[in-house]
Amino acid sequence: MMLTRLNALADRLIGLSALLGTLGLLAEVAVILIDVVGRYFGAPLKGAQDVSQMAMTLVVFGGMALCDRMGGHVAVDVFENRLPTWAILLGDRISAFLGALIFAGIAWTLVESAALSRLLNLSTNIIYLPKAHFQYIVAAMCMVTALGMTLRGIGLIVSPAQKGITP
């Protein structure tokens, strides 16, 4: 029951993260289109590089949790035919929790970096977008990814049949 509620919450957060990534992609496409057309007429869009760089962070990290939820990460199954079922399941569990730990570490580092960015008033080079705002957003997206990976790991412990494996 509790796991079902957590998965529902995670699905909503993953959807929000993916939506922010989608908005970042749309912004990037619009900025690049306006910049290219503007260059053709001799008036490139000022700050296009800044907006593209910040939008790209939203695109990459915004879709990460959804990619994990859908099983879209690269997986190498070279040894899967040679390993016993328990070893495959153990590897899947470990990789889910290790991935969650890595993304939580990235989020922690980004929060510390954002605090430093705020202290030093760091911004992009051309139109001076504050970097800390994007760092906090990406940190939140990393925490959503970590939550999703943790729940996937717990799901593999509670119900290994969800991957089609019977221990």
N, C-alpha and C. Protein backbone atom coordinates (compact mmCIF):
# COMPACT_ATOMS: atom_id res chain seq x y z
N MET A 1 0.82 -1.19 0.00
CA MET A 1 0.00 0.00 0.00
C MET A 1 0.87 1.26 0.00
N MET A 2 1.85 1.30 0.93
CA MET A 2 2.74 2.45 1.02
C MET A 2 3.60 2.57 -0.23
N LEU A 3 4.07 1.43 -0.73
CA LEU A 3 4.88 1.43 -1.95
C LEU A 3 4.07 1.92 -3.14
N THR A 4 2.79 1.57 -3.19
CA THR A 4 1.92 2.03 -4.27
C THR A 4 1.77 3.54 -4.24
N ARG A 5 1.59 4.09 -3.03
CA ARG A 5 1.47 5.55 -2.89
C ARG A 5 2.76 6.25 -3.28
N LEU A 6 3.88 5.69 -2.84
CA LEU A 6 5.18 6.29 -3.19
C LEU A 6 5.41 6.24 -4.70
N ASN A 7 5.04 5.14 -5.32
CA ASN A 7 5.17 5.04 -6.78
C ASN A 7 4.28 6.05 -7.49
N ALA A 8 3.08 6.26 -6.98
CA ALA A 8 2.18 7.25 -7.59
C ALA A 8 2.77 8.66 -7.45
N LEU A 9 3.30 8.98 -6.27
CA LEU A 9 3.96 10.27 -6.07
C LEU A 9 5.17 10.40 -6.99
N ALA A 10 5.96 9.34 -7.06
CA ALA A 10 7.15 9.37 -7.93
C ALA A 10 6.73 9.56 -9.39
N ASP A 11 5.67 8.92 -9.81
CA ASP A 11 5.21 9.09 -11.19
C ASP A 11 4.83 10.53 -11.47
N ARG A 12 4.19 11.18 -10.51
CA ARG A 12 3.83 12.59 -10.70
C ARG A 12 5.07 13.48 -10.76
N LEU A 13 6.01 13.22 -9.86
CA LEU A 13 7.25 14.00 -9.87
C LEU A 13 8.06 13.76 -11.14
N ILE A 14 8.07 12.52 -11.59
CA ILE A 14 8.77 12.19 -12.84
C ILE A 14 8.10 12.88 -14.01
N GLY A 15 6.77 12.91 -14.01
CA GLY A 15 6.04 13.63 -15.05
C GLY A 15 6.35 15.12 -15.05
N LEU A 16 6.43 15.70 -13.86
CA LEU A 16 6.78 17.12 -13.75
C LEU A 16 8.20 17.37 -14.24
N SER A 17 9.11 16.51 -13.86
CA SER A 17 10.50 16.64 -14.31
C SER A 17 10.59 16.53 -15.83
N ALA A 18 9.87 15.57 -16.40
CA ALA A 18 9.87 15.41 -17.85
C ALA A 18 9.22 16.62 -18.54
N LEU A 19 8.19 17.18 -17.92
CA LEU A 19 7.55 18.37 -18.47
C LEU A 19 8.52 19.55 -18.50
N LEU A 20 9.26 19.74 -17.41
CA LEU A 20 10.27 20.81 -17.38
C LEU A 20 11.35 20.57 -18.44
N GLY A 21 11.75 19.32 -18.61
CA GLY A 21 12.71 19.00 -19.67
C GLY A 21 12.15 19.29 -21.05
N THR A 22 10.87 18.99 -21.24
CA THR A 22 10.21 19.28 -22.52
C THR A 22 10.15 20.77 -22.78
N LEU A 23 9.82 21.54 -21.74
CA LEU A 23 9.79 23.00 -21.89
C LEU A 23 11.18 23.54 -22.22
N GLY A 24 12.20 22.94 -21.59
CA GLY A 24 13.58 23.32 -21.91
C GLY A 24 13.91 23.03 -23.37
N LEU A 25 13.47 21.89 -23.87
CA LEU A 25 13.71 21.53 -25.27
C LEU A 25 12.98 22.48 -26.21
N LEU A 26 11.74 22.80 -25.90
CA LEU A 26 10.99 23.74 -26.74
C LEU A 26 11.65 25.12 -26.75
N ALA A 27 12.11 25.55 -25.57
CA ALA A 27 12.80 26.84 -25.50
C ALA A 27 14.08 26.81 -26.32
N GLU A 28 14.80 25.72 -26.22
CA GLU A 28 16.05 25.61 -26.99
C GLU A 28 15.79 25.62 -28.49
N VAL A 29 14.80 24.88 -28.92
CA VAL A 29 14.46 24.87 -30.35
C VAL A 29 14.06 26.26 -30.83
N ALA A 30 13.23 26.94 -30.05
CA ALA A 30 12.78 28.28 -30.42
C ALA A 30 13.96 29.25 -30.47
N VAL A 31 14.84 29.19 -29.49
CA VAL A 31 15.99 30.09 -29.45
C VAL A 31 16.91 29.84 -30.63
N ILE A 32 17.17 28.58 -30.93
CA ILE A 32 18.06 28.27 -32.05
C ILE A 32 17.42 28.70 -33.37
N LEU A 33 16.13 28.46 -33.53
CA LEU A 33 15.44 28.87 -34.75
C LEU A 33 15.50 30.39 -34.92
N ILE A 34 15.19 31.12 -33.86
CA ILE A 34 15.22 32.58 -33.94
C ILE A 34 16.64 33.07 -34.21
N ASP A 35 17.62 32.43 -33.58
CA ASP A 35 19.01 32.83 -33.78
C ASP A 35 19.46 32.58 -35.22
N VAL A 36 19.13 31.42 -35.76
CA VAL A 36 19.55 31.09 -37.13
C VAL A 36 18.89 32.03 -38.14
N VAL A 37 17.59 32.25 -37.98
CA VAL A 37 16.90 33.18 -38.89
C VAL A 37 17.45 34.59 -38.72
N GLY A 38 17.70 34.98 -37.47
CA GLY A 38 18.27 36.30 -37.21
C GLY A 38 19.65 36.46 -37.83
N ARG A 39 20.46 35.42 -37.77
CA ARG A 39 21.79 35.48 -38.39
C ARG A 39 21.69 35.66 -39.91
N TYR A 40 20.69 35.03 -40.49
CA TYR A 40 20.49 35.15 -41.93
C TYR A 40 20.23 36.62 -42.31
N PHE A 41 19.52 37.32 -41.43
CA PHE A 41 19.21 38.72 -41.70
C PHE A 41 20.20 39.68 -41.02
N GLY A 42 21.28 39.14 -40.49
CA GLY A 42 22.32 39.97 -39.89
C GLY A 42 22.04 40.42 -38.48
N ALA A 43 21.08 39.79 -37.80
CA ALA A 43 20.74 40.19 -36.43
C ALA A 43 20.56 38.94 -35.56
N PRO A 44 21.67 38.31 -35.15
CA PRO A 44 21.53 37.11 -34.32
C PRO A 44 20.91 37.44 -32.96
N LEU A 45 20.34 36.44 -32.34
CA LEU A 45 19.69 36.61 -31.05
C LEU A 45 20.74 36.73 -29.96
N LYS A 46 20.72 37.84 -29.25
CA LYS A 46 21.69 38.05 -28.17
C LYS A 46 21.37 37.08 -27.03
N GLY A 47 22.38 36.36 -26.57
CA GLY A 47 22.22 35.43 -25.46
C GLY A 47 21.74 34.05 -25.86
N ALA A 48 21.71 33.76 -27.14
CA ALA A 48 21.23 32.44 -27.58
C ALA A 48 22.08 31.32 -26.99
N GLN A 49 23.37 31.53 -26.91
CA GLN A 49 24.25 30.50 -26.35
C GLN A 49 23.95 30.28 -24.87
N ASP A 50 23.72 31.35 -24.13
CA ASP A 50 23.40 31.23 -22.70
C ASP A 50 22.11 30.45 -22.48
N VAL A 51 21.08 30.82 -23.21
CA VAL A 51 19.79 30.15 -23.06
C VAL A 51 19.89 28.70 -23.49
N SER A 52 20.63 28.43 -24.58
CA SER A 52 20.80 27.05 -25.05
C SER A 52 21.51 26.19 -24.02
N GLN A 53 22.56 26.72 -23.41
CA GLN A 53 23.29 25.95 -22.41
C GLN A 53 22.42 25.64 -21.19
N MET A 54 21.71 26.61 -20.70
CA MET A 54 20.88 26.39 -19.52
C MET A 54 19.69 25.48 -19.85
N ALA A 55 19.13 25.65 -21.04
CA ALA A 55 18.01 24.79 -21.44
C ALA A 55 18.46 23.34 -21.62
N MET A 56 19.70 23.16 -22.08
CA MET A 56 20.21 21.80 -22.27
C MET A 56 20.32 21.05 -20.94
N THR A 57 20.67 21.76 -19.86
CA THR A 57 20.72 21.08 -18.56
C THR A 57 19.33 20.60 -18.16
N LEU A 58 18.31 21.39 -18.48
CA LEU A 58 16.93 20.98 -18.17
C LEU A 58 16.52 19.79 -19.03
N VAL A 59 16.93 19.80 -20.29
CA VAL A 59 16.57 18.70 -21.20
C VAL A 59 17.18 17.39 -20.72
N VAL A 60 18.48 17.42 -20.43
CA VAL A 60 19.18 16.18 -20.06
C VAL A 60 18.67 15.63 -18.74
N PHE A 61 18.65 16.46 -17.71
CA PHE A 61 18.27 15.95 -16.39
C PHE A 61 16.75 15.84 -16.23
N GLY A 62 15.99 16.59 -17.01
CA GLY A 62 14.54 16.50 -16.93
C GLY A 62 14.02 15.16 -17.41
N GLY A 63 14.68 14.57 -18.37
CA GLY A 63 14.23 13.29 -18.91
C GLY A 63 14.88 12.09 -18.28
N MET A 64 15.84 12.30 -17.39
CA MET A 64 16.59 11.18 -16.82
C MET A 64 15.70 10.24 -16.00
N ALA A 65 14.83 10.80 -15.16
CA ALA A 65 13.97 9.96 -14.32
C ALA A 65 12.98 9.17 -15.17
N LEU A 66 12.45 9.82 -16.21
CA LEU A 66 11.51 9.13 -17.09
C LEU A 66 12.22 8.00 -17.85
N CYS A 67 13.43 8.28 -18.27
CA CYS A 67 14.22 7.26 -18.96
C CYS A 67 14.42 6.03 -18.06
N ASP A 68 14.74 6.27 -16.80
CA ASP A 68 14.91 5.16 -15.87
C ASP A 68 13.60 4.42 -15.64
N ARG A 69 12.52 5.17 -15.47
CA ARG A 69 11.21 4.56 -15.20
C ARG A 69 10.78 3.66 -16.36
N MET A 70 11.12 4.06 -17.58
CA MET A 70 10.73 3.29 -18.76
C MET A 70 11.75 2.20 -19.11
N GLY A 71 12.84 2.13 -18.34
CA GLY A 71 13.87 1.12 -18.62
C GLY A 71 14.70 1.48 -19.84
N GLY A 72 14.88 2.77 -20.08
CA GLY A 72 15.57 3.22 -21.29
C GLY A 72 17.06 3.40 -21.17
N HIS A 73 17.63 3.17 -19.99
CA HIS A 73 19.08 3.31 -19.85
C HIS A 73 19.79 2.19 -20.60
N VAL A 74 20.99 2.46 -21.00
CA VAL A 74 21.79 1.45 -21.70
C VAL A 74 22.08 0.31 -20.74
N ALA A 75 21.82 -0.90 -21.18
CA ALA A 75 22.08 -2.08 -20.36
C ALA A 75 22.85 -3.09 -21.21
N VAL A 76 23.91 -3.59 -20.65
CA VAL A 76 24.71 -4.58 -21.35
C VAL A 76 24.36 -5.94 -20.76
N ASP A 77 23.88 -6.83 -21.61
CA ASP A 77 23.45 -8.14 -21.14
C ASP A 77 24.33 -9.26 -21.70
N VAL A 78 25.62 -8.99 -21.75
CA VAL A 78 26.56 -9.97 -22.31
C VAL A 78 26.56 -11.26 -21.50
N PHE A 79 26.51 -11.14 -20.18
CA PHE A 79 26.61 -12.31 -19.32
C PHE A 79 25.26 -12.84 -18.86
N GLU A 80 24.18 -12.22 -19.27
CA GLU A 80 22.87 -12.59 -18.75
C GLU A 80 22.50 -14.05 -19.06
N ASN A 81 22.93 -14.56 -20.18
CA ASN A 81 22.62 -15.96 -20.52
C ASN A 81 23.48 -16.94 -19.73
N ARG A 82 24.60 -16.45 -19.20
CA ARG A 82 25.53 -17.33 -18.50
C ARG A 82 25.38 -17.28 -16.98
N LEU A 83 24.70 -16.28 -16.47
CA LEU A 83 24.56 -16.12 -15.02
C LEU A 83 23.29 -16.77 -14.51
N PRO A 84 23.32 -17.22 -13.26
CA PRO A 84 22.08 -17.74 -12.67
C PRO A 84 21.10 -16.58 -12.42
N THR A 85 19.85 -16.93 -12.30
CA THR A 85 18.80 -15.94 -12.14
C THR A 85 19.03 -15.04 -10.93
N TRP A 86 19.46 -15.61 -9.82
CA TRP A 86 19.68 -14.82 -8.61
C TRP A 86 20.75 -13.76 -8.82
N ALA A 87 21.78 -14.07 -9.62
CA ALA A 87 22.85 -13.11 -9.86
C ALA A 87 22.37 -11.96 -10.74
N ILE A 88 21.53 -12.26 -11.70
CA ILE A 88 20.96 -11.21 -12.56
C ILE A 88 20.10 -10.28 -11.72
N LEU A 89 19.26 -10.86 -10.88
CA LEU A 89 18.39 -10.06 -10.02
C LEU A 89 19.20 -9.23 -9.02
N LEU A 90 20.23 -9.81 -8.46
CA LEU A 90 21.10 -9.08 -7.53
C LEU A 90 21.77 -7.90 -8.24
N GLY A 91 22.24 -8.13 -9.45
CA GLY A 91 22.86 -7.05 -10.24
C GLY A 91 21.87 -5.93 -10.53
N ASP A 92 20.63 -6.29 -10.85
CA ASP A 92 19.61 -5.28 -11.10
C ASP A 92 19.31 -4.46 -9.85
N ARG A 93 19.23 -5.13 -8.72
CA ARG A 93 18.97 -4.43 -7.45
C ARG A 93 20.12 -3.49 -7.11
N ILE A 94 21.33 -4.01 -7.21
CA ILE A 94 22.51 -3.19 -6.88
C ILE A 94 22.60 -1.99 -7.81
N SER A 95 22.36 -2.21 -9.10
CA SER A 95 22.47 -1.09 -10.05
C SER A 95 21.41 -0.02 -9.79
N ALA A 96 20.22 -0.43 -9.37
CA ALA A 96 19.17 0.56 -9.06
C ALA A 96 19.58 1.40 -7.86
N PHE A 97 20.05 0.76 -6.79
CA PHE A 97 20.44 1.51 -5.60
C PHE A 97 21.73 2.31 -5.82
N LEU A 98 22.65 1.77 -6.58
CA LEU A 98 23.88 2.50 -6.89
C LEU A 98 23.57 3.74 -7.74
N GLY A 99 22.67 3.59 -8.71
CA GLY A 99 22.25 4.74 -9.52
C GLY A 99 21.58 5.79 -8.66
N ALA A 100 20.74 5.37 -7.71
CA ALA A 100 20.09 6.32 -6.81
C ALA A 100 21.12 7.05 -5.97
N LEU A 101 22.11 6.34 -5.50
CA LEU A 101 23.18 6.95 -4.71
C LEU A 101 23.97 7.96 -5.53
N ILE A 102 24.25 7.62 -6.77
CA ILE A 102 25.00 8.53 -7.66
C ILE A 102 24.19 9.80 -7.91
N PHE A 103 22.91 9.66 -8.22
CA PHE A 103 22.09 10.85 -8.49
C PHE A 103 21.87 11.69 -7.24
N ALA A 104 21.77 11.04 -6.08
CA ALA A 104 21.68 11.81 -4.83
C ALA A 104 22.97 12.57 -4.60
N GLY A 105 24.11 11.95 -4.92
CA GLY A 105 25.40 12.64 -4.80
C GLY A 105 25.51 13.82 -5.75
N ILE A 106 25.02 13.64 -6.97
CA ILE A 106 25.02 14.75 -7.93
C ILE A 106 24.15 15.89 -7.40
N ALA A 107 22.99 15.55 -6.86
CA ALA A 107 22.08 16.58 -6.31
C ALA A 107 22.75 17.32 -5.16
N TRP A 108 23.39 16.58 -4.27
CA TRP A 108 24.08 17.20 -3.13
C TRP A 108 25.15 18.18 -3.63
N THR A 109 25.93 17.73 -4.59
CA THR A 109 27.00 18.57 -5.14
C THR A 109 26.42 19.81 -5.81
N LEU A 110 25.31 19.64 -6.52
CA LEU A 110 24.68 20.78 -7.18
C LEU A 110 24.12 21.79 -6.19
N VAL A 111 23.57 21.33 -5.09
CA VAL A 111 23.05 22.25 -4.08
C VAL A 111 24.21 23.06 -3.48
N GLU A 112 25.31 22.38 -3.19
CA GLU A 112 26.48 23.10 -2.67
C GLU A 112 27.02 24.08 -3.70
N SER A 113 27.05 23.66 -4.96
CA SER A 113 27.53 24.53 -6.04
C SER A 113 26.60 25.72 -6.24
N ALA A 114 25.30 25.49 -6.11
CA ALA A 114 24.34 26.59 -6.26
C ALA A 114 24.50 27.61 -5.13
N ALA A 115 24.77 27.12 -3.93
CA ALA A 115 25.00 28.05 -2.82
C ALA A 115 26.23 28.92 -3.10
N LEU A 116 27.26 28.31 -3.65
CA LEU A 116 28.46 29.06 -4.01
C LEU A 116 28.16 30.03 -5.15
N SER A 117 27.36 29.60 -6.10
CA SER A 117 26.98 30.47 -7.22
C SER A 117 26.19 31.68 -6.72
N ARG A 118 25.33 31.46 -5.74
CA ARG A 118 24.57 32.59 -5.17
C ARG A 118 25.50 33.53 -4.41
N LEU A 119 26.43 32.94 -3.66
CA LEU A 119 27.37 33.75 -2.88
C LEU A 119 28.22 34.63 -3.79
N LEU A 120 28.68 34.05 -4.89
CA LEU A 120 29.54 34.78 -5.82
C LEU A 120 28.77 35.49 -6.92
N ASN A 121 27.43 35.35 -6.89
CA ASN A 121 26.57 35.96 -7.90
C ASN A 121 26.96 35.54 -9.32
N LEU A 122 27.20 34.24 -9.50
CA LEU A 122 27.61 33.73 -10.80
C LEU A 122 26.43 33.73 -11.77
N SER A 123 26.73 34.05 -13.02
CA SER A 123 25.70 34.08 -14.05
C SER A 123 26.33 33.71 -15.38
N THR A 124 25.47 33.56 -16.39
CA THR A 124 25.99 33.25 -17.72
C THR A 124 26.72 34.47 -18.28
N ASN A 125 27.48 34.25 -19.33
CA ASN A 125 28.40 35.27 -19.83
C ASN A 125 27.75 36.42 -20.60
N ILE A 126 26.69 36.15 -21.32
CA ILE A 126 26.18 37.15 -22.26
C ILE A 126 24.99 37.92 -21.69
N ILE A 127 23.97 37.21 -21.23
CA ILE A 127 22.77 37.91 -20.74
C ILE A 127 22.59 37.77 -19.23
N TYR A 128 23.59 37.23 -18.57
CA TYR A 128 23.66 37.19 -17.11
C TYR A 128 22.48 36.47 -16.44
N LEU A 129 22.15 35.29 -16.97
CA LEU A 129 21.16 34.45 -16.29
C LEU A 129 21.80 33.89 -15.03
N PRO A 130 21.15 34.00 -13.88
CA PRO A 130 21.74 33.46 -12.65
C PRO A 130 21.85 31.93 -12.74
N LYS A 131 23.04 31.41 -12.51
CA LYS A 131 23.27 29.96 -12.61
C LYS A 131 22.63 29.19 -11.47
N ALA A 132 22.53 29.80 -10.30
CA ALA A 132 22.03 29.08 -9.12
C ALA A 132 20.62 28.54 -9.34
N HIS A 133 19.77 29.30 -10.01
CA HIS A 133 18.39 28.84 -10.24
C HIS A 133 18.38 27.52 -11.02
N PHE A 134 19.19 27.46 -12.05
CA PHE A 134 19.25 26.23 -12.86
C PHE A 134 19.88 25.09 -12.07
N GLN A 135 20.86 25.40 -11.25
CA GLN A 135 21.49 24.36 -10.45
C GLN A 135 20.51 23.77 -9.44
N TYR A 136 19.69 24.60 -8.83
CA TYR A 136 18.68 24.09 -7.89
C TYR A 136 17.64 23.23 -8.62
N ILE A 137 17.23 23.65 -9.80
CA ILE A 137 16.24 22.88 -10.57
C ILE A 137 16.81 21.52 -10.95
N VAL A 138 18.05 21.51 -11.43
CA VAL A 138 18.68 20.25 -11.83
C VAL A 138 18.89 19.36 -10.60
N ALA A 139 19.23 19.95 -9.46
CA ALA A 139 19.38 19.16 -8.23
C ALA A 139 18.05 18.49 -7.87
N ALA A 140 16.96 19.22 -8.00
CA ALA A 140 15.64 18.64 -7.72
C ALA A 140 15.34 17.50 -8.70
N MET A 141 15.68 17.69 -9.96
CA MET A 141 15.47 16.63 -10.95
C MET A 141 16.31 15.39 -10.63
N CYS A 142 17.52 15.61 -10.15
CA CYS A 142 18.38 14.49 -9.75
C CYS A 142 17.78 13.75 -8.56
N MET A 143 17.18 14.48 -7.63
CA MET A 143 16.55 13.83 -6.48
C MET A 143 15.32 13.02 -6.91
N VAL A 144 14.59 13.52 -7.90
CA VAL A 144 13.46 12.76 -8.44
C VAL A 144 13.97 11.48 -9.08
N THR A 145 15.06 11.57 -9.82
CA THR A 145 15.66 10.38 -10.43
C THR A 145 16.12 9.41 -9.36
N ALA A 146 16.75 9.92 -8.31
CA ALA A 146 17.20 9.06 -7.21
C ALA A 146 16.02 8.36 -6.54
N LEU A 147 14.93 9.11 -6.34
CA LEU A 147 13.73 8.51 -5.75
C LEU A 147 13.18 7.40 -6.65
N GLY A 148 13.10 7.68 -7.94
CA GLY A 148 12.59 6.67 -8.87
C GLY A 148 13.46 5.42 -8.90
N MET A 149 14.78 5.61 -8.86
CA MET A 149 15.68 4.45 -8.86
C MET A 149 15.58 3.67 -7.56
N THR A 150 15.44 4.38 -6.45
CA THR A 150 15.27 3.71 -5.16
C THR A 150 14.00 2.88 -5.15
N LEU A 151 12.92 3.46 -5.65
CA LEU A 151 11.65 2.72 -5.70
C LEU A 151 11.74 1.53 -6.64
N ARG A 152 12.50 1.68 -7.74
CA ARG A 152 12.69 0.53 -8.64
C ARG A 152 13.45 -0.57 -7.92
N GLY A 153 14.48 -0.20 -7.17
CA GLY A 153 15.23 -1.19 -6.41
C GLY A 153 14.38 -1.89 -5.37
N ILE A 154 13.56 -1.11 -4.66
CA ILE A 154 12.66 -1.70 -3.66
C ILE A 154 11.66 -2.62 -4.35
N GLY A 155 11.16 -2.18 -5.50
CA GLY A 155 10.23 -3.01 -6.26
C GLY A 155 10.85 -4.33 -6.68
N LEU A 156 12.14 -4.30 -7.02
CA LEU A 156 12.82 -5.54 -7.40
C LEU A 156 13.04 -6.46 -6.20
N ILE A 157 13.12 -5.89 -5.01
CA ILE A 157 13.24 -6.71 -3.81
C ILE A 157 11.89 -7.30 -3.43
N VAL A 158 10.85 -6.45 -3.45
CA VAL A 158 9.52 -6.88 -3.03
C VAL A 158 8.89 -7.82 -4.05
N SER A 159 9.03 -7.46 -5.33
CA SER A 159 8.37 -8.24 -6.38
C SER A 159 9.31 -8.43 -7.57
N PRO A 160 10.20 -9.40 -7.50
CA PRO A 160 11.14 -9.60 -8.60
C PRO A 160 10.47 -10.01 -9.90
N ALA A 161 9.22 -10.44 -9.83
CA ALA A 161 8.52 -10.87 -11.03
C ALA A 161 8.22 -9.69 -11.94
N GLN A 162 8.34 -8.43 -11.44
CA GLN A 162 8.05 -7.27 -12.28
C GLN A 162 9.06 -7.18 -13.43
N LYS A 163 10.23 -7.78 -13.28
CA LYS A 163 11.19 -7.81 -14.36
C LYS A 163 11.07 -9.10 -15.16
N GLY A 164 10.17 -9.94 -14.75
CA GLY A 164 9.98 -11.20 -15.48
C GLY A 164 10.90 -12.29 -14.97
N ILE A 165 11.48 -12.10 -13.79
CA ILE A 165 12.39 -13.07 -13.23
C ILE A 165 11.74 -13.70 -12.01
N THR A 166 11.80 -14.99 -11.91
CA THR A 166 11.33 -15.65 -10.71
C THR A 166 12.54 -16.22 -9.99
N PRO A 167 12.76 -15.81 -8.74
CA PRO A 167 13.96 -16.25 -8.02
C PRO A 167 13.92 -17.72 -7.67
